[in-house]
Amino acid sequence: MALRPSLLSTAIVLMICLLSTGLEAADSLRCAKVVDKRLAELPLAEGDVKSVRIIERVNIADEYGPEIFGVDAWVRLNSCSGWLVLNMTAKCYIRQTYTRGDCRVEGLSAY
C-alpha cells in the first residue's frame, strides 16, 4: 500500500520529531553571554565550572504559539555530581537559578 503524499510528509515529520530530543534543541548558543555573566556573579570557586549545556525548549506542537518557550543552561560543576540550572525566558531573562542533586551554591535553592 502506497502512502499518499500528505500522509508521507506527516510520517516524515513525525519521524524527525521522534528522532530529535523531543521538545528540546540541545547545545544552543542562545543566551550564552547571559549565562557567562550569571556564572561570574555566583560564589563559585575558580575553575569549578566543568561544562555548560544550553537547551532551547522549542514548540513543536502548536504552529500558532511561540517558536521557543524558553532556555535552560545546565551547568556541571567539578565540586559535585549534580547540576546548577539557569532557567530563562526565550529572550534570555533569568527566571530562576537553582541546583539539582548534591550540588550546593550559597544563596540558591536546591532540589
PDB file of N, CA and C in Angstrom:
ATOM      1  N   MET A   1       0.840  -1.180   0.000  1.00  0.00           N
ATOM      2  CA  MET A   1       0.000   0.000   0.000  1.00  0.00           C
ATOM      3  C   MET A   1       0.882   1.240   0.000  1.00  0.00           C
ATOM      4  N   ALA A   2       0.708   2.115  -0.960  1.00  0.00           N
ATOM      5  CA  ALA A   2       1.492   3.341  -1.064  1.00  0.00           C
ATOM      6  C   ALA A   2       0.855   4.432  -0.207  1.00  0.00           C
ATOM      7  N   LEU A   3       1.707   5.233   0.411  1.00  0.00           N
ATOM      8  CA  LEU A   3       1.209   6.350   1.213  1.00  0.00           C
ATOM      9  C   LEU A   3       0.932   7.544   0.323  1.00  0.00           C
ATOM     10  N   ARG A   4      -0.139   8.226   0.582  1.00  0.00           N
ATOM     11  CA  ARG A   4      -0.432   9.456  -0.134  1.00  0.00           C
ATOM     12  C   ARG A   4       0.601  10.506   0.266  1.00  0.00           C
ATOM     13  N   PRO A   5       0.916  11.475  -0.595  1.00  0.00           N
ATOM     14  CA  PRO A   5       1.936  12.480  -0.280  1.00  0.00           C
ATOM     15  C   PRO A   5       1.707  13.184   1.059  1.00  0.00           C
ATOM     16  N   SER A   6       0.468  13.524   1.389  1.00  0.00           N
ATOM     17  CA  SER A   6       0.216  14.216   2.655  1.00  0.00           C
ATOM     18  C   SER A   6       0.510  13.314   3.845  1.00  0.00           C
ATOM     19  N   LEU A   7       0.163  12.030   3.741  1.00  0.00           N
ATOM     20  CA  LEU A   7       0.461  11.088   4.813  1.00  0.00           C
ATOM     21  C   LEU A   7       1.951  10.824   4.912  1.00  0.00           C
ATOM     22  N   LEU A   8       2.631  10.769   3.768  1.00  0.00           N
ATOM     23  CA  LEU A   8       4.069  10.545   3.763  1.00  0.00           C
ATOM     24  C   LEU A   8       4.797  11.704   4.430  1.00  0.00           C
ATOM     25  N   SER A   9       4.431  12.931   4.090  1.00  0.00           N
ATOM     26  CA  SER A   9       5.094  14.081   4.700  1.00  0.00           C
ATOM     27  C   SER A   9       4.803  14.147   6.196  1.00  0.00           C
ATOM     28  N   THR A  10       3.595  13.778   6.605  1.00  0.00           N
ATOM     29  CA  THR A  10       3.263  13.740   8.027  1.00  0.00           C
ATOM     30  C   THR A  10       4.097  12.680   8.735  1.00  0.00           C
ATOM     31  N   ALA A  11       4.270  11.525   8.101  1.00  0.00           N
ATOM     32  CA  ALA A  11       5.082  10.454   8.688  1.00  0.00           C
ATOM     33  C   ALA A  11       6.536  10.882   8.821  1.00  0.00           C
ATOM     34  N   ILE A  12       7.063  11.577   7.827  1.00  0.00           N
ATOM     35  CA  ILE A  12       8.453  12.050   7.883  1.00  0.00           C
ATOM     36  C   ILE A  12       8.631  13.063   9.002  1.00  0.00           C
ATOM     37  N   VAL A  13       7.704  13.999   9.118  1.00  0.00           N
ATOM     38  CA  VAL A  13       7.783  14.991  10.195  1.00  0.00           C
ATOM     39  C   VAL A  13       7.716  14.302  11.551  1.00  0.00           C
ATOM     40  N   LEU A  14       6.841  13.318  11.683  1.00  0.00           N
ATOM     41  CA  LEU A  14       6.724  12.587  12.940  1.00  0.00           C
ATOM     42  C   LEU A  14       8.023  11.862  13.264  1.00  0.00           C
ATOM     43  N   MET A  15       8.642  11.232  12.275  1.00  0.00           N
ATOM     44  CA  MET A  15       9.909  10.532  12.498  1.00  0.00           C
ATOM     45  C   MET A  15      10.999  11.503  12.933  1.00  0.00           C
ATOM     46  N   ILE A  16      11.070  12.656  12.311  1.00  0.00           N
ATOM     47  CA  ILE A  16      12.069  13.655  12.689  1.00  0.00           C
ATOM     48  C   ILE A  16      11.844  14.104  14.122  1.00  0.00           C
ATOM     49  N   CYS A  17      10.601  14.329  14.482  1.00  0.00           N
ATOM     50  CA  CYS A  17      10.282  14.750  15.851  1.00  0.00           C
ATOM     51  C   CYS A  17      10.670  13.672  16.852  1.00  0.00           C
ATOM     52  N   LEU A  18      10.409  12.438  16.530  1.00  0.00           N
ATOM     53  CA  LEU A  18      10.733  11.349  17.445  1.00  0.00           C
ATOM     54  C   LEU A  18      12.232  11.125  17.550  1.00  0.00           C
ATOM     55  N   LEU A  19      12.955  11.373  16.472  1.00  0.00           N
ATOM     56  CA  LEU A  19      14.398  11.186  16.493  1.00  0.00           C
ATOM     57  C   LEU A  19      15.127  12.346  17.153  1.00  0.00           C
ATOM     58  N   SER A  20      14.501  13.504  17.198  1.00  0.00           N
ATOM     59  CA  SER A  20      15.127  14.648  17.851  1.00  0.00           C
ATOM     60  C   SER A  20      14.999  14.480  19.358  1.00  0.00           C
ATOM     61  N   THR A  21      15.432  15.464  20.105  1.00  0.00           N
ATOM     62  CA  THR A  21      15.408  15.362  21.565  1.00  0.00           C
ATOM     63  C   THR A  21      14.061  15.780  22.124  1.00  0.00           C
ATOM     64  N   GLY A  22      12.981  15.459  21.463  1.00  0.00           N
ATOM     65  CA  GLY A  22      11.662  15.794  21.985  1.00  0.00           C
ATOM     66  C   GLY A  22      11.382  17.268  21.834  1.00  0.00           C
ATOM     67  N   LEU A  23      11.101  17.929  22.948  1.00  0.00           N
ATOM     68  CA  LEU A  23      10.766  19.348  22.908  1.00  0.00           C
ATOM     69  C   LEU A  23      11.986  20.237  23.076  1.00  0.00           C
ATOM     70  N   GLU A  24      13.173  19.686  22.948  1.00  0.00           N
ATOM     71  CA  GLU A  24      14.366  20.472  23.215  1.00  0.00           C
ATOM     72  C   GLU A  24      15.356  20.397  22.064  1.00  0.00           C
ATOM     73  N   ALA A  25      16.005  21.500  21.809  1.00  0.00           N
ATOM     74  CA  ALA A  25      17.115  21.539  20.862  1.00  0.00           C
ATOM     75  C   ALA A  25      18.376  21.776  21.682  1.00  0.00           C
ATOM     76  N   ALA A  26      19.235  20.799  21.708  1.00  0.00           N
ATOM     77  CA  ALA A  26      20.384  20.837  22.616  1.00  0.00           C
ATOM     78  C   ALA A  26      21.539  21.670  22.065  1.00  0.00           C
ATOM     79  N   ASP A  27      22.365  22.123  23.000  1.00  0.00           N
ATOM     80  CA  ASP A  27      23.619  22.797  22.699  1.00  0.00           C
ATOM     81  C   ASP A  27      23.453  24.049  21.836  1.00  0.00           C
ATOM     82  N   SER A  28      22.613  24.902  22.265  1.00  0.00           N
ATOM     83  CA  SER A  28      22.390  26.183  21.615  1.00  0.00           C
ATOM     84  C   SER A  28      23.407  27.196  22.119  1.00  0.00           C
ATOM     85  N   LEU A  29      23.587  28.258  21.376  1.00  0.00           N
ATOM     86  CA  LEU A  29      24.413  29.377  21.836  1.00  0.00           C
ATOM     87  C   LEU A  29      23.538  30.522  22.345  1.00  0.00           C
ATOM     88  N   ARG A  30      22.224  30.349  22.234  1.00  0.00           N
ATOM     89  CA  ARG A  30      21.291  31.373  22.697  1.00  0.00           C
ATOM     90  C   ARG A  30      21.546  31.627  24.179  1.00  0.00           C
ATOM     91  N   CYS A  31      21.601  32.862  24.569  1.00  0.00           N
ATOM     92  CA  CYS A  31      21.755  33.297  25.959  1.00  0.00           C
ATOM     93  C   CYS A  31      23.141  33.010  26.545  1.00  0.00           C
ATOM     94  N   ALA A  32      24.116  32.636  25.739  1.00  0.00           N
ATOM     95  CA  ALA A  32      25.441  32.274  26.247  1.00  0.00           C
ATOM     96  C   ALA A  32      26.087  33.413  27.035  1.00  0.00           C
ATOM     97  N   LYS A  33      25.948  34.647  26.568  1.00  0.00           N
ATOM     98  CA  LYS A  33      26.540  35.788  27.281  1.00  0.00           C
ATOM     99  C   LYS A  33      25.870  35.996  28.636  1.00  0.00           C
ATOM    100  N   VAL A  34      24.559  35.821  28.682  1.00  0.00           N
ATOM    101  CA  VAL A  34      23.817  35.958  29.944  1.00  0.00           C
ATOM    102  C   VAL A  34      24.242  34.862  30.922  1.00  0.00           C
ATOM    103  N   VAL A  35      24.423  33.653  30.424  1.00  0.00           N
ATOM    104  CA  VAL A  35      24.863  32.533  31.264  1.00  0.00           C
ATOM    105  C   VAL A  35      26.254  32.823  31.821  1.00  0.00           C
ATOM    106  N   ASP A  36      27.178  33.266  30.966  1.00  0.00           N
ATOM    107  CA  ASP A  36      28.532  33.589  31.430  1.00  0.00           C
ATOM    108  C   ASP A  36      28.512  34.672  32.503  1.00  0.00           C
ATOM    109  N   LYS A  37      27.695  35.696  32.290  1.00  0.00           N
ATOM    110  CA  LYS A  37      27.602  36.792  33.257  1.00  0.00           C
ATOM    111  C   LYS A  37      27.062  36.290  34.598  1.00  0.00           C
ATOM    112  N   ARG A  38      25.998  35.471  34.544  1.00  0.00           N
ATOM    113  CA  ARG A  38      25.399  34.949  35.783  1.00  0.00           C
ATOM    114  C   ARG A  38      26.372  34.036  36.534  1.00  0.00           C
ATOM    115  N   LEU A  39      27.097  33.203  35.814  1.00  0.00           N
ATOM    116  CA  LEU A  39      28.073  32.319  36.454  1.00  0.00           C
ATOM    117  C   LEU A  39      29.181  33.128  37.133  1.00  0.00           C
ATOM    118  N   ALA A  40      29.564  34.242  36.526  1.00  0.00           N
ATOM    119  CA  ALA A  40      30.600  35.099  37.122  1.00  0.00           C
ATOM    120  C   ALA A  40      30.102  35.759  38.407  1.00  0.00           C
ATOM    121  N   GLU A  41      28.793  35.974  38.522  1.00  0.00           N
ATOM    122  CA  GLU A  41      28.206  36.601  39.715  1.00  0.00           C
ATOM    123  C   GLU A  41      28.065  35.635  40.888  1.00  0.00           C
ATOM    124  N   LEU A  42      28.042  34.338  40.613  1.00  0.00           N
ATOM    125  CA  LEU A  42      27.813  33.341  41.662  1.00  0.00           C
ATOM    126  C   LEU A  42      29.106  33.052  42.435  1.00  0.00           C
ATOM    127  N   PRO A  43      28.956  32.674  43.711  1.00  0.00           N
ATOM    128  CA  PRO A  43      30.142  32.377  44.526  1.00  0.00           C
ATOM    129  C   PRO A  43      30.706  30.982  44.218  1.00  0.00           C
ATOM    130  N   LEU A  44      31.221  30.813  43.003  1.00  0.00           N
ATOM    131  CA  LEU A  44      31.817  29.541  42.593  1.00  0.00           C
ATOM    132  C   LEU A  44      33.337  29.659  42.668  1.00  0.00           C
ATOM    133  N   ALA A  45      33.978  28.564  43.027  1.00  0.00           N
ATOM    134  CA  ALA A  45      35.435  28.543  43.048  1.00  0.00           C
ATOM    135  C   ALA A  45      35.964  28.665  41.618  1.00  0.00           C
ATOM    136  N   GLU A  46      37.123  29.268  41.475  1.00  0.00           N
ATOM    137  CA  GLU A  46      37.719  29.413  40.150  1.00  0.00           C
ATOM    138  C   GLU A  46      37.968  28.029  39.549  1.00  0.00           C
ATOM    139  N   GLY A  47      37.536  27.841  38.313  1.00  0.00           N
ATOM    140  CA  GLY A  47      37.713  26.570  37.634  1.00  0.00           C
ATOM    141  C   GLY A  47      36.699  25.501  38.012  1.00  0.00           C
ATOM    142  N   ASP A  48      35.668  25.872  38.785  1.00  0.00           N
ATOM    143  CA  ASP A  48      34.677  24.885  39.221  1.00  0.00           C
ATOM    144  C   ASP A  48      33.712  24.481  38.108  1.00  0.00           C
ATOM    145  N   VAL A  49      33.537  25.327  37.095  1.00  0.00           N
ATOM    146  CA  VAL A  49      32.613  25.010  36.008  1.00  0.00           C
ATOM    147  C   VAL A  49      33.270  23.989  35.080  1.00  0.00           C
ATOM    148  N   LYS A  50      32.664  22.811  35.028  1.00  0.00           N
ATOM    149  CA  LYS A  50      33.192  21.714  34.210  1.00  0.00           C
ATOM    150  C   LYS A  50      32.660  21.799  32.779  1.00  0.00           C
ATOM    151  N   SER A  51      31.347  22.035  32.645  1.00  0.00           N
ATOM    152  CA  SER A  51      30.735  22.146  31.323  1.00  0.00           C
ATOM    153  C   SER A  51      29.418  22.900  31.427  1.00  0.00           C
ATOM    154  N   VAL A  52      28.993  23.454  30.294  1.00  0.00           N
ATOM    155  CA  VAL A  52      27.716  24.170  30.207  1.00  0.00           C
ATOM    156  C   VAL A  52      26.987  23.651  28.974  1.00  0.00           C
ATOM    157  N   ARG A  53      25.740  23.284  29.181  1.00  0.00           N
ATOM    158  CA  ARG A  53      24.901  22.845  28.068  1.00  0.00           C
ATOM    159  C   ARG A  53      23.653  23.712  28.055  1.00  0.00           C
ATOM    160  N   ILE A  54      23.451  24.428  26.967  1.00  0.00           N
ATOM    161  CA  ILE A  54      22.295  25.323  26.834  1.00  0.00           C
ATOM    162  C   ILE A  54      21.258  24.631  25.962  1.00  0.00           C
ATOM    163  N   ILE A  55      20.048  24.517  26.506  1.00  0.00           N
ATOM    164  CA  ILE A  55      18.963  23.797  25.848  1.00  0.00           C
ATOM    165  C   ILE A  55      17.810  24.766  25.579  1.00  0.00           C
ATOM    166  N   GLU A  56      17.347  24.814  24.333  1.00  0.00           N
ATOM    167  CA  GLU A  56      16.163  25.601  23.988  1.00  0.00           C
ATOM    168  C   GLU A  56      14.941  24.707  24.109  1.00  0.00           C
ATOM    169  N   ARG A  57      13.927  25.178  24.833  1.00  0.00           N
ATOM    170  CA  ARG A  57      12.656  24.471  24.886  1.00  0.00           C
ATOM    171  C   ARG A  57      11.816  24.993  23.719  1.00  0.00           C
ATOM    172  N   VAL A  58      11.743  24.209  22.646  1.00  0.00           N
ATOM    173  CA  VAL A  58      11.085  24.662  21.427  1.00  0.00           C
ATOM    174  C   VAL A  58       9.666  24.121  21.314  1.00  0.00           C
ATOM    175  N   ASN A  59       8.871  24.828  20.571  1.00  0.00           N
ATOM    176  CA  ASN A  59       7.464  24.489  20.369  1.00  0.00           C
ATOM    177  C   ASN A  59       7.333  23.686  19.083  1.00  0.00           C
ATOM    178  N   ILE A  60       7.029  22.399  19.216  1.00  0.00           N
ATOM    179  CA  ILE A  60       6.815  21.580  18.019  1.00  0.00           C
ATOM    180  C   ILE A  60       5.356  21.190  17.849  1.00  0.00           C
ATOM    181  N   ALA A  61       4.519  21.557  18.817  1.00  0.00           N
ATOM    182  CA  ALA A  61       3.144  21.086  18.795  1.00  0.00           C
ATOM    183  C   ALA A  61       2.130  22.135  18.354  1.00  0.00           C
ATOM    184  N   ASP A  62       2.457  23.406  18.473  1.00  0.00           N
ATOM    185  CA  ASP A  62       1.470  24.464  18.226  1.00  0.00           C
ATOM    186  C   ASP A  62       2.027  25.472  17.241  1.00  0.00           C
ATOM    187  N   GLU A  63       1.542  25.438  16.025  1.00  0.00           N
ATOM    188  CA  GLU A  63       2.066  26.346  14.996  1.00  0.00           C
ATOM    189  C   GLU A  63       1.712  27.809  15.262  1.00  0.00           C
ATOM    190  N   TYR A  64       0.787  28.065  16.166  1.00  0.00           N
ATOM    191  CA  TYR A  64       0.383  29.439  16.450  1.00  0.00           C
ATOM    192  C   TYR A  64       1.064  30.002  17.697  1.00  0.00           C
ATOM    193  N   GLY A  65       1.730  29.155  18.448  1.00  0.00           N
ATOM    194  CA  GLY A  65       2.408  29.604  19.657  1.00  0.00           C
ATOM    195  C   GLY A  65       3.806  30.107  19.350  1.00  0.00           C
ATOM    196  N   PRO A  66       4.540  30.485  20.386  1.00  0.00           N
ATOM    197  CA  PRO A  66       5.899  30.970  20.169  1.00  0.00           C
ATOM    198  C   PRO A  66       6.809  29.842  19.677  1.00  0.00           C
ATOM    199  N   GLU A  67       7.827  30.197  18.919  1.00  0.00           N
ATOM    200  CA  GLU A  67       8.765  29.205  18.400  1.00  0.00           C
ATOM    201  C   GLU A  67       9.591  28.585  19.532  1.00  0.00           C
ATOM    202  N   ILE A  68      10.006  29.430  20.470  1.00  0.00           N
ATOM    203  CA  ILE A  68      10.816  28.967  21.596  1.00  0.00           C
ATOM    204  C   ILE A  68      10.121  29.363  22.889  1.00  0.00           C
ATOM    205  N   PHE A  69       9.881  28.387  23.761  1.00  0.00           N
ATOM    206  CA  PHE A  69       9.248  28.651  25.056  1.00  0.00           C
ATOM    207  C   PHE A  69      10.220  29.248  26.055  1.00  0.00           C
ATOM    208  N   GLY A  70      11.443  28.793  26.023  1.00  0.00           N
ATOM    209  CA  GLY A  70      12.428  29.251  26.983  1.00  0.00           C
ATOM    210  C   GLY A  70      13.753  28.552  26.777  1.00  0.00           C
ATOM    211  N   VAL A  71      14.690  28.864  27.661  1.00  0.00           N
ATOM    212  CA  VAL A  71      16.043  28.340  27.545  1.00  0.00           C
ATOM    213  C   VAL A  71      16.507  27.917  28.935  1.00  0.00           C
ATOM    214  N   ASP A  72      17.179  26.781  29.010  1.00  0.00           N
ATOM    215  CA  ASP A  72      17.782  26.328  30.258  1.00  0.00           C
ATOM    216  C   ASP A  72      19.272  26.123  30.028  1.00  0.00           C
ATOM    217  N   ALA A  73      20.072  26.548  30.981  1.00  0.00           N
ATOM    218  CA  ALA A  73      21.501  26.251  30.957  1.00  0.00           C
ATOM    219  C   ALA A  73      21.764  25.249  32.069  1.00  0.00           C
ATOM    220  N   TRP A  74      22.280  24.087  31.715  1.00  0.00           N
ATOM    221  CA  TRP A  74      22.615  23.028  32.669  1.00  0.00           C
ATOM    222  C   TRP A  74      24.121  23.045  32.823  1.00  0.00           C
ATOM    223  N   VAL A  75      24.564  23.402  34.031  1.00  0.00           N
ATOM    224  CA  VAL A  75      25.989  23.586  34.295  1.00  0.00           C
ATOM    225  C   VAL A  75      26.479  22.445  35.183  1.00  0.00           C
ATOM    226  N   ARG A  76      27.498  21.744  34.718  1.00  0.00           N
ATOM    227  CA  ARG A  76      28.124  20.680  35.504  1.00  0.00           C
ATOM    228  C   ARG A  76      29.312  21.306  36.237  1.00  0.00           C
ATOM    229  N   LEU A  77      29.352  21.088  37.547  1.00  0.00           N
ATOM    230  CA  LEU A  77      30.435  21.625  38.369  1.00  0.00           C
ATOM    231  C   LEU A  77      31.400  20.510  38.766  1.00  0.00           C
ATOM    232  N   ASN A  78      32.666  20.857  38.933  1.00  0.00           N
ATOM    233  CA  ASN A  78      33.666  19.885  39.375  1.00  0.00           C
ATOM    234  C   ASN A  78      33.472  19.497  40.833  1.00  0.00           C
ATOM    235  N   SER A  79      32.837  20.359  41.607  1.00  0.00           N
ATOM    236  CA  SER A  79      32.716  20.156  43.051  1.00  0.00           C
ATOM    237  C   SER A  79      31.542  19.264  43.462  1.00  0.00           C
ATOM    238  N   CYS A  80      30.723  18.806  42.508  1.00  0.00           N
ATOM    239  CA  CYS A  80      29.566  17.978  42.851  1.00  0.00           C
ATOM    240  C   CYS A  80      29.157  17.144  41.651  1.00  0.00           C
ATOM    241  N   SER A  81      28.216  16.235  41.878  1.00  0.00           N
ATOM    242  CA  SER A  81      27.777  15.374  40.774  1.00  0.00           C
ATOM    243  C   SER A  81      26.391  15.760  40.246  1.00  0.00           C
ATOM    244  N   GLY A  82      25.805  16.819  40.763  1.00  0.00           N
ATOM    245  CA  GLY A  82      24.501  17.287  40.287  1.00  0.00           C
ATOM    246  C   GLY A  82      24.668  18.373  39.243  1.00  0.00           C
ATOM    247  N   TRP A  83      23.741  19.310  39.240  1.00  0.00           N
ATOM    248  CA  TRP A  83      23.726  20.375  38.240  1.00  0.00           C
ATOM    249  C   TRP A  83      23.412  21.726  38.876  1.00  0.00           C
ATOM    250  N   LEU A  84      23.889  22.768  38.254  1.00  0.00           N
ATOM    251  CA  LEU A  84      23.471  24.144  38.509  1.00  0.00           C
ATOM    252  C   LEU A  84      22.631  24.506  37.295  1.00  0.00           C
ATOM    253  N   VAL A  85      21.399  24.960  37.504  1.00  0.00           N
ATOM    254  CA  VAL A  85      20.476  25.204  36.395  1.00  0.00           C
ATOM    255  C   VAL A  85      20.080  26.676  36.360  1.00  0.00           C
ATOM    256  N   LEU A  86      20.166  27.279  35.177  1.00  0.00           N
ATOM    257  CA  LEU A  86      19.667  28.626  34.941  1.00  0.00           C
ATOM    258  C   LEU A  86      18.458  28.494  34.031  1.00  0.00           C
ATOM    259  N   ASN A  87      17.288  28.875  34.526  1.00  0.00           N
ATOM    260  CA  ASN A  87      16.049  28.794  33.775  1.00  0.00           C
ATOM    261  C   ASN A  87      15.724  30.193  33.259  1.00  0.00           C
ATOM    262  N   MET A  88      15.576  30.335  31.929  1.00  0.00           N
ATOM    263  CA  MET A  88      15.409  31.648  31.308  1.00  0.00           C
ATOM    264  C   MET A  88      14.232  31.675  30.339  1.00  0.00           C
ATOM    265  N   THR A  89      13.790  32.878  30.043  1.00  0.00           N
ATOM    266  CA  THR A  89      12.789  33.076  29.001  1.00  0.00           C
ATOM    267  C   THR A  89      13.484  32.957  27.641  1.00  0.00           C
ATOM    268  N   ALA A  90      12.710  32.971  26.577  1.00  0.00           N
ATOM    269  CA  ALA A  90      13.272  32.925  25.227  1.00  0.00           C
ATOM    270  C   ALA A  90      14.121  34.164  24.925  1.00  0.00           C
ATOM    271  N   LYS A  91      13.864  35.253  25.634  1.00  0.00           N
ATOM    272  CA  LYS A  91      14.629  36.500  25.458  1.00  0.00           C
ATOM    273  C   LYS A  91      15.801  36.595  26.430  1.00  0.00           C
ATOM    274  N   CYS A  92      16.112  35.479  27.110  1.00  0.00           N
ATOM    275  CA  CYS A  92      17.275  35.347  27.998  1.00  0.00           C
ATOM    276  C   CYS A  92      17.147  36.054  29.341  1.00  0.00           C
ATOM    277  N   TYR A  93      15.936  36.365  29.760  1.00  0.00           N
ATOM    278  CA  TYR A  93      15.731  36.895  31.106  1.00  0.00           C
ATOM    279  C   TYR A  93      15.771  35.712  32.068  1.00  0.00           C
ATOM    280  N   ILE A  94      16.610  35.784  33.092  1.00  0.00           N
ATOM    281  CA  ILE A  94      16.742  34.681  34.035  1.00  0.00           C
ATOM    282  C   ILE A  94      15.553  34.662  34.980  1.00  0.00           C
ATOM    283  N   ARG A  95      14.788  33.588  34.925  1.00  0.00           N
ATOM    284  CA  ARG A  95      13.649  33.403  35.830  1.00  0.00           C
ATOM    285  C   ARG A  95      14.126  32.920  37.188  1.00  0.00           C
ATOM    286  N   GLN A  96      14.979  31.901  37.177  1.00  0.00           N
ATOM    287  CA  GLN A  96      15.470  31.337  38.432  1.00  0.00           C
ATOM    288  C   GLN A  96      16.785  30.614  38.194  1.00  0.00           C
ATOM    289  N   THR A  97      17.560  30.521  39.256  1.00  0.00           N
ATOM    290  CA  THR A  97      18.811  29.765  39.256  1.00  0.00           C
ATOM    291  C   THR A  97      18.754  28.853  40.466  1.00  0.00           C
ATOM    292  N   TYR A  98      19.005  27.569  40.264  1.00  0.00           N
ATOM    293  CA  TYR A  98      18.914  26.612  41.363  1.00  0.00           C
ATOM    294  C   TYR A  98      19.884  25.460  41.102  1.00  0.00           C
ATOM    295  N   THR A  99      20.036  24.598  42.103  1.00  0.00           N
ATOM    296  CA  THR A  99      20.894  23.434  41.940  1.00  0.00           C
ATOM    297  C   THR A  99      20.069  22.157  42.024  1.00  0.00           C
ATOM    298  N   ARG A 100      20.615  21.092  41.446  1.00  0.00           N
ATOM    299  CA  ARG A 100      19.988  19.769  41.465  1.00  0.00           C
ATOM    300  C   ARG A 100      20.995  18.770  42.015  1.00  0.00           C
ATOM    301  N   GLY A 101      20.472  17.671  42.541  1.00  0.00           N
ATOM    302  CA  GLY A 101      21.356  16.625  43.046  1.00  0.00           C
ATOM    303  C   GLY A 101      22.099  17.093  44.285  1.00  0.00           C
ATOM    304  N   ASP A 102      23.379  16.739  44.363  1.00  0.00           N
ATOM    305  CA  ASP A 102      24.162  17.089  45.554  1.00  0.00           C
ATOM    306  C   ASP A 102      24.890  18.432  45.433  1.00  0.00           C
ATOM    307  N   CYS A 103      24.637  19.193  44.394  1.00  0.00           N
ATOM    308  CA  CYS A 103      25.280  20.500  44.240  1.00  0.00           C
ATOM    309  C   CYS A 103      24.646  21.521  45.174  1.00  0.00           C
ATOM    310  N   ARG A 104      25.484  22.347  45.769  1.00  0.00           N
ATOM    311  CA  ARG A 104      25.013  23.428  46.632  1.00  0.00           C
ATOM    312  C   ARG A 104      25.806  24.682  46.304  1.00  0.00           C
ATOM    313  N   VAL A 105      25.086  25.776  46.108  1.00  0.00           N
ATOM    314  CA  VAL A 105      25.713  27.080  45.894  1.00  0.00           C
ATOM    315  C   VAL A 105      25.026  28.048  46.852  1.00  0.00           C
ATOM    316  N   GLU A 106      25.818  28.762  47.600  1.00  0.00           N
ATOM    317  CA  GLU A 106      25.290  29.686  48.602  1.00  0.00           C
ATOM    318  C   GLU A 106      24.309  30.670  47.967  1.00  0.00           C
ATOM    319  N   GLY A 107      23.118  30.782  48.595  1.00  0.00           N
ATOM    320  CA  GLY A 107      22.103  31.708  48.143  1.00  0.00           C
ATOM    321  C   GLY A 107      21.130  31.137  47.115  1.00  0.00           C
ATOM    322  N   LEU A 108      21.337  29.896  46.666  1.00  0.00           N
ATOM    323  CA  LEU A 108      20.446  29.291  45.690  1.00  0.00           C
ATOM    324  C   LEU A 108      19.640  28.156  46.298  1.00  0.00           C
ATOM    325  N   SER A 109      18.438  27.975  45.789  1.00  0.00           N
ATOM    326  CA  SER A 109      17.609  26.847  46.205  1.00  0.00           C
ATOM    327  C   SER A 109      18.210  25.554  45.668  1.00  0.00           C
ATOM    328  N   ALA A 110      18.008  24.471  46.396  1.00  0.00           N
ATOM    329  CA  ALA A 110      18.490  23.162  45.958  1.00  0.00           C
ATOM    330  C   ALA A 110      17.318  22.197  45.894  1.00  0.00           C
ATOM    331  N   TYR A 111      17.245  21.436  44.819  1.00  0.00           N
ATOM    332  CA  TYR A 111      16.140  20.483  44.639  1.00  0.00           C
ATOM    333  C   TYR A 111      16.704  19.087  44.388  1.00  0.00           C
TER     334      TYR A 111
END
